[in-house]
Amino acid sequence: MTEEAGEERNTRVLRYVERFAQVLEESGVPRMPARVFAYVLAEDSDRYTAGDLAAGLQVSPAAISGAVRYLVQVGLVTKEREPGMRSDLYRIDDRDVWSRIFLQRSDLLGHYEKAAAEGVETLGPDTPGGRRMRESQEFFAFLRAELEATMTRWREYRSQLDLDR
């Protein structure tokens, strides 16, 4: 690939990263972590130093620091060290990334369900607040079961696709 073609591709990748990051941001992911996550999804490498991410996104290394900390904390990227390297490496396990992300939400739904059940017990099942908490509890239980069933169907569907080349 010529240098000019490489620059054109990088520009296309960065434009796409910004568009996808905006979608992530609109769904609640903070701006810089959304940009970093979109970049590691769209860019071809599978491991990055903070310097690689800063250079690729054309931002300061300080902006990357908080973003990767957030992404590691929520489980969207992992942090590794190679023997002899002074820099941390950040990577995304890109095999079926979205089902793993959504299954993490199942744990969150379980926490919501438990908190709502505590509300039913605390408020009493015959009070207006207790009834609302009971409905919330049942909603989260239903949603969690449906999510797990959907992920099972997704894995079956995914196995028919040619995605692991």
C-alpha atoms as a PDB file:
ATOM      1  CA  MET A   1       0.000   0.000   0.000  1.00  0.00           C
ATOM      2  CA  THR A   2       1.365   3.403  -0.935  1.00  0.00           C
ATOM      3  CA  GLU A   3       1.825   6.045   1.717  1.00  0.00           C
ATOM      4  CA  GLU A   4      -0.993   8.082   0.173  1.00  0.00           C
ATOM      5  CA  ALA A   5      -3.343   5.074   0.165  1.00  0.00           C
ATOM      6  CA  GLY A   6      -2.390   4.347   3.773  1.00  0.00           C
ATOM      7  CA  GLU A   7      -3.202   7.915   4.814  1.00  0.00           C
ATOM      8  CA  GLU A   8      -6.522   7.757   2.967  1.00  0.00           C
ATOM      9  CA  ARG A   9      -7.397   4.510   4.746  1.00  0.00           C
ATOM     10  CA  ASN A  10      -6.419   5.991   8.124  1.00  0.00           C
ATOM     11  CA  THR A  11      -8.664   8.979   7.445  1.00  0.00           C
ATOM     12  CA  ARG A  12     -11.582   6.673   6.568  1.00  0.00           C
ATOM     13  CA  VAL A  13     -10.970   4.617   9.719  1.00  0.00           C
ATOM     14  CA  LEU A  14     -10.855   7.721  11.930  1.00  0.00           C
ATOM     15  CA  ARG A  15     -14.028   9.128  10.404  1.00  0.00           C
ATOM     16  CA  TYR A  16     -15.786   5.852  11.010  1.00  0.00           C
ATOM     17  CA  VAL A  17     -14.404   5.649  14.566  1.00  0.00           C
ATOM     18  CA  GLU A  18     -15.856   9.077  15.322  1.00  0.00           C
ATOM     19  CA  ARG A  19     -19.283   8.064  13.972  1.00  0.00           C
ATOM     20  CA  PHE A  20     -19.347   4.777  15.884  1.00  0.00           C
ATOM     21  CA  ALA A  21     -18.019   6.441  19.042  1.00  0.00           C
ATOM     22  CA  GLN A  22     -20.886   8.909  18.846  1.00  0.00           C
ATOM     23  CA  VAL A  23     -23.363   6.005  18.835  1.00  0.00           C
ATOM     24  CA  LEU A  24     -21.619   4.526  21.886  1.00  0.00           C
ATOM     25  CA  GLU A  25     -21.576   7.927  23.571  1.00  0.00           C
ATOM     26  CA  GLU A  26     -25.311   8.382  22.941  1.00  0.00           C
ATOM     27  CA  SER A  27     -25.875   5.072  24.727  1.00  0.00           C
ATOM     28  CA  GLY A  28     -24.001   6.208  27.838  1.00  0.00           C
ATOM     29  CA  VAL A  29     -20.318   5.420  27.256  1.00  0.00           C
ATOM     30  CA  PRO A  30     -18.151   8.455  28.125  1.00  0.00           C
ATOM     31  CA  ARG A  31     -16.697  10.230  25.075  1.00  0.00           C
ATOM     32  CA  MET A  32     -13.010   9.289  25.185  1.00  0.00           C
ATOM     33  CA  PRO A  33     -13.577   5.642  26.223  1.00  0.00           C
ATOM     34  CA  ALA A  34     -16.131   5.435  23.387  1.00  0.00           C
ATOM     35  CA  ARG A  35     -13.530   6.715  20.922  1.00  0.00           C
ATOM     36  CA  VAL A  36     -10.855   4.316  22.163  1.00  0.00           C
ATOM     37  CA  PHE A  37     -13.241   1.343  22.110  1.00  0.00           C
ATOM     38  CA  ALA A  38     -14.475   2.203  18.610  1.00  0.00           C
ATOM     39  CA  TYR A  39     -10.842   2.506  17.497  1.00  0.00           C
ATOM     40  CA  VAL A  40      -9.769  -0.883  18.827  1.00  0.00           C
ATOM     41  CA  LEU A  41     -12.834  -2.448  17.184  1.00  0.00           C
ATOM     42  CA  ALA A  42     -12.205  -0.809  13.813  1.00  0.00           C
ATOM     43  CA  GLU A  43      -8.412  -0.697  13.559  1.00  0.00           C
ATOM     44  CA  ASP A  44      -6.603  -3.854  12.425  1.00  0.00           C
ATOM     45  CA  SER A  45      -4.141  -4.416  15.271  1.00  0.00           C
ATOM     46  CA  ASP A  46      -5.101  -6.575  18.230  1.00  0.00           C
ATOM     47  CA  ARG A  47      -2.868  -4.950  20.866  1.00  0.00           C
ATOM     48  CA  TYR A  48      -1.989  -1.339  21.563  1.00  0.00           C
ATOM     49  CA  THR A  49       0.154   0.698  23.895  1.00  0.00           C
ATOM     50  CA  ALA A  50      -1.280   3.951  25.211  1.00  0.00           C
ATOM     51  CA  GLY A  51       1.090   5.691  22.793  1.00  0.00           C
ATOM     52  CA  ASP A  52      -0.303   3.682  19.868  1.00  0.00           C
ATOM     53  CA  LEU A  53      -3.839   4.672  20.833  1.00  0.00           C
ATOM     54  CA  ALA A  54      -2.910   8.333  21.282  1.00  0.00           C
ATOM     55  CA  ALA A  55      -1.154   8.436  17.918  1.00  0.00           C
ATOM     56  CA  GLY A  56      -3.937   6.559  16.160  1.00  0.00           C
ATOM     57  CA  LEU A  57      -6.668   8.791  17.547  1.00  0.00           C
ATOM     58  CA  GLN A  58      -4.510  11.914  17.314  1.00  0.00           C
ATOM     59  CA  VAL A  59      -5.043  12.817  20.971  1.00  0.00           C
ATOM     60  CA  SER A  60      -2.802  13.335  23.978  1.00  0.00           C
ATOM     61  CA  PRO A  61      -1.551  10.335  25.982  1.00  0.00           C
ATOM     62  CA  ALA A  62      -3.250  11.872  29.041  1.00  0.00           C
ATOM     63  CA  ALA A  63      -6.627  11.524  27.318  1.00  0.00           C
ATOM     64  CA  ILE A  64      -5.914   7.848  26.674  1.00  0.00           C
ATOM     65  CA  SER A  65      -4.951   7.097  30.278  1.00  0.00           C
ATOM     66  CA  GLY A  66      -8.394   7.701  31.758  1.00  0.00           C
ATOM     67  CA  ALA A  67     -10.139   6.106  28.805  1.00  0.00           C
ATOM     68  CA  VAL A  68      -8.279   2.796  29.002  1.00  0.00           C
ATOM     69  CA  ARG A  69      -8.667   2.759  32.795  1.00  0.00           C
ATOM     70  CA  TYR A  70     -12.442   3.015  32.295  1.00  0.00           C
ATOM     71  CA  LEU A  71     -12.479   0.366  29.535  1.00  0.00           C
ATOM     72  CA  VAL A  72     -10.416  -2.070  31.617  1.00  0.00           C
ATOM     73  CA  GLN A  73     -12.640  -1.460  34.640  1.00  0.00           C
ATOM     74  CA  VAL A  74     -15.838  -2.244  32.718  1.00  0.00           C
ATOM     75  CA  GLY A  75     -14.249  -5.239  30.971  1.00  0.00           C
ATOM     76  CA  LEU A  76     -14.229  -3.945  27.396  1.00  0.00           C
ATOM     77  CA  VAL A  77     -10.443  -4.189  27.037  1.00  0.00           C
ATOM     78  CA  THR A  78      -7.773  -6.024  28.988  1.00  0.00           C
ATOM     79  CA  LYS A  79      -4.397  -4.787  30.144  1.00  0.00           C
ATOM     80  CA  GLU A  80      -1.308  -6.974  29.681  1.00  0.00           C
ATOM     81  CA  ARG A  81       2.436  -6.776  30.012  1.00  0.00           C
ATOM     82  CA  GLU A  82       5.001  -8.448  27.782  1.00  0.00           C
ATOM     83  CA  PRO A  83       8.299  -9.481  29.386  1.00  0.00           C
ATOM     84  CA  GLY A  84      10.869  -6.733  28.852  1.00  0.00           C
ATOM     85  CA  MET A  85       8.313  -4.135  27.768  1.00  0.00           C
ATOM     86  CA  ARG A  86       7.928  -0.994  29.808  1.00  0.00           C
ATOM     87  CA  SER A  87       4.493  -0.113  28.474  1.00  0.00           C
ATOM     88  CA  ASP A  88       1.193  -1.772  29.218  1.00  0.00           C
ATOM     89  CA  LEU A  89      -0.586  -3.346  26.287  1.00  0.00           C
ATOM     90  CA  TYR A  90      -4.317  -3.003  25.809  1.00  0.00           C
ATOM     91  CA  ARG A  91      -6.272  -5.495  23.798  1.00  0.00           C
ATOM     92  CA  ILE A  92      -9.759  -6.494  22.955  1.00  0.00           C
ATOM     93  CA  ASP A  93     -10.736 -10.128  22.733  1.00  0.00           C
ATOM     94  CA  ASP A  94     -12.608  -9.692  19.492  1.00  0.00           C
ATOM     95  CA  ARG A  95     -14.131 -13.153  19.344  1.00  0.00           C
ATOM     96  CA  ASP A  96     -17.837 -12.616  19.898  1.00  0.00           C
ATOM     97  CA  VAL A  97     -17.208  -9.349  21.719  1.00  0.00           C
ATOM     98  CA  TRP A  98     -20.812  -8.150  21.744  1.00  0.00           C
ATOM     99  CA  SER A  99     -22.300 -11.252  23.355  1.00  0.00           C
ATOM    100  CA  ARG A 100     -19.701 -11.013  26.124  1.00  0.00           C
ATOM    101  CA  ILE A 101     -20.571  -7.344  26.632  1.00  0.00           C
ATOM    102  CA  PHE A 102     -24.280  -8.085  26.814  1.00  0.00           C
ATOM    103  CA  LEU A 103     -23.775 -11.049  29.133  1.00  0.00           C
ATOM    104  CA  GLN A 104     -21.991  -8.690  31.524  1.00  0.00           C
ATOM    105  CA  ARG A 105     -25.254  -6.768  31.557  1.00  0.00           C
ATOM    106  CA  SER A 106     -26.960  -9.935  32.774  1.00  0.00           C
ATOM    107  CA  ASP A 107     -24.968  -9.608  36.002  1.00  0.00           C
ATOM    108  CA  LEU A 108     -26.135  -6.005  36.273  1.00  0.00           C
ATOM    109  CA  LEU A 109     -29.748  -7.096  35.770  1.00  0.00           C
ATOM    110  CA  GLY A 110     -29.246  -9.599  38.596  1.00  0.00           C
ATOM    111  CA  HIS A 111     -28.120  -6.775  40.885  1.00  0.00           C
ATOM    112  CA  TYR A 112     -31.183  -4.725  39.908  1.00  0.00           C
ATOM    113  CA  GLU A 113     -33.425  -7.709  40.546  1.00  0.00           C
ATOM    114  CA  LYS A 114     -31.913  -8.282  43.984  1.00  0.00           C
ATOM    115  CA  ALA A 115     -32.206  -4.594  44.912  1.00  0.00           C
ATOM    116  CA  ALA A 116     -35.851  -4.549  43.807  1.00  0.00           C
ATOM    117  CA  ALA A 117     -36.553  -7.695  45.855  1.00  0.00           C
ATOM    118  CA  GLU A 118     -35.050  -5.942  48.877  1.00  0.00           C
ATOM    119  CA  GLY A 119     -37.400  -3.048  48.170  1.00  0.00           C
ATOM    120  CA  VAL A 120     -40.410  -5.394  48.181  1.00  0.00           C
ATOM    121  CA  GLU A 121     -39.301  -6.806  51.531  1.00  0.00           C
ATOM    122  CA  THR A 122     -38.571  -3.391  53.026  1.00  0.00           C
ATOM    123  CA  LEU A 123     -41.671  -1.598  51.754  1.00  0.00           C
ATOM    124  CA  GLY A 124     -44.096  -4.488  52.000  1.00  0.00           C
ATOM    125  CA  PRO A 125     -45.739  -6.205  49.036  1.00  0.00           C
ATOM    126  CA  ASP A 126     -49.128  -4.549  49.641  1.00  0.00           C
ATOM    127  CA  THR A 127     -47.921  -0.953  49.457  1.00  0.00           C
ATOM    128  CA  PRO A 128     -47.831   1.041  46.201  1.00  0.00           C
ATOM    129  CA  GLY A 129     -44.028   1.261  46.407  1.00  0.00           C
ATOM    130  CA  GLY A 130     -43.753  -2.440  47.221  1.00  0.00           C
ATOM    131  CA  ARG A 131     -45.937  -3.351  44.237  1.00  0.00           C
ATOM    132  CA  ARG A 132     -43.800  -1.185  41.942  1.00  0.00           C
ATOM    133  CA  MET A 133     -40.649  -2.814  43.329  1.00  0.00           C
ATOM    134  CA  ARG A 134     -42.179  -6.277  42.790  1.00  0.00           C
ATOM    135  CA  GLU A 135     -42.959  -5.413  39.174  1.00  0.00           C
ATOM    136  CA  SER A 136     -39.398  -4.106  38.798  1.00  0.00           C
ATOM    137  CA  GLN A 137     -38.033  -7.313  40.318  1.00  0.00           C
ATOM    138  CA  GLU A 138     -40.062  -9.448  37.921  1.00  0.00           C
ATOM    139  CA  PHE A 139     -39.121  -7.271  34.962  1.00  0.00           C
ATOM    140  CA  PHE A 140     -35.396  -7.650  35.667  1.00  0.00           C
ATOM    141  CA  ALA A 141     -35.765 -11.407  36.219  1.00  0.00           C
ATOM    142  CA  PHE A 142     -37.644 -11.721  32.928  1.00  0.00           C
ATOM    143  CA  LEU A 143     -35.143  -9.585  31.036  1.00  0.00           C
ATOM    144  CA  ARG A 144     -32.181 -11.521  32.437  1.00  0.00           C
ATOM    145  CA  ALA A 145     -33.719 -14.873  31.432  1.00  0.00           C
ATOM    146  CA  GLU A 146     -34.545 -13.550  27.972  1.00  0.00           C
ATOM    147  CA  LEU A 147     -31.044 -12.165  27.526  1.00  0.00           C
ATOM    148  CA  GLU A 148     -29.483 -15.507  28.402  1.00  0.00           C
ATOM    149  CA  ALA A 149     -31.862 -17.319  26.013  1.00  0.00           C
ATOM    150  CA  THR A 150     -31.091 -14.784  23.283  1.00  0.00           C
ATOM    151  CA  MET A 151     -27.354 -15.290  23.772  1.00  0.00           C
ATOM    152  CA  THR A 152     -27.828 -19.041  23.424  1.00  0.00           C
ATOM    153  CA  ARG A 153     -29.689 -18.503  20.144  1.00  0.00           C
ATOM    154  CA  TRP A 154     -26.992 -16.056  19.038  1.00  0.00           C
ATOM    155  CA  ARG A 155     -24.223 -18.615  19.635  1.00  0.00           C
ATOM    156  CA  GLU A 156     -26.150 -21.157  17.569  1.00  0.00           C
ATOM    157  CA  TYR A 157     -26.658 -18.622  14.781  1.00  0.00           C
ATOM    158  CA  ARG A 158     -23.049 -17.418  14.991  1.00  0.00           C
ATOM    159  CA  SER A 159     -21.748 -20.962  14.602  1.00  0.00           C
ATOM    160  CA  GLN A 160     -23.353 -21.024  11.134  1.00  0.00           C
ATOM    161  CA  LEU A 161     -21.569 -17.855  10.040  1.00  0.00           C
ATOM    162  CA  ASP A 162     -18.014 -17.731   8.722  1.00  0.00           C
ATOM    163  CA  LEU A 163     -16.692 -15.156  11.190  1.00  0.00           C
ATOM    164  CA  ASP A 164     -13.596 -16.787  12.663  1.00  0.00           C
ATOM    165  CA  ARG A 165     -11.296 -16.678   9.655  1.00  0.00           C
END
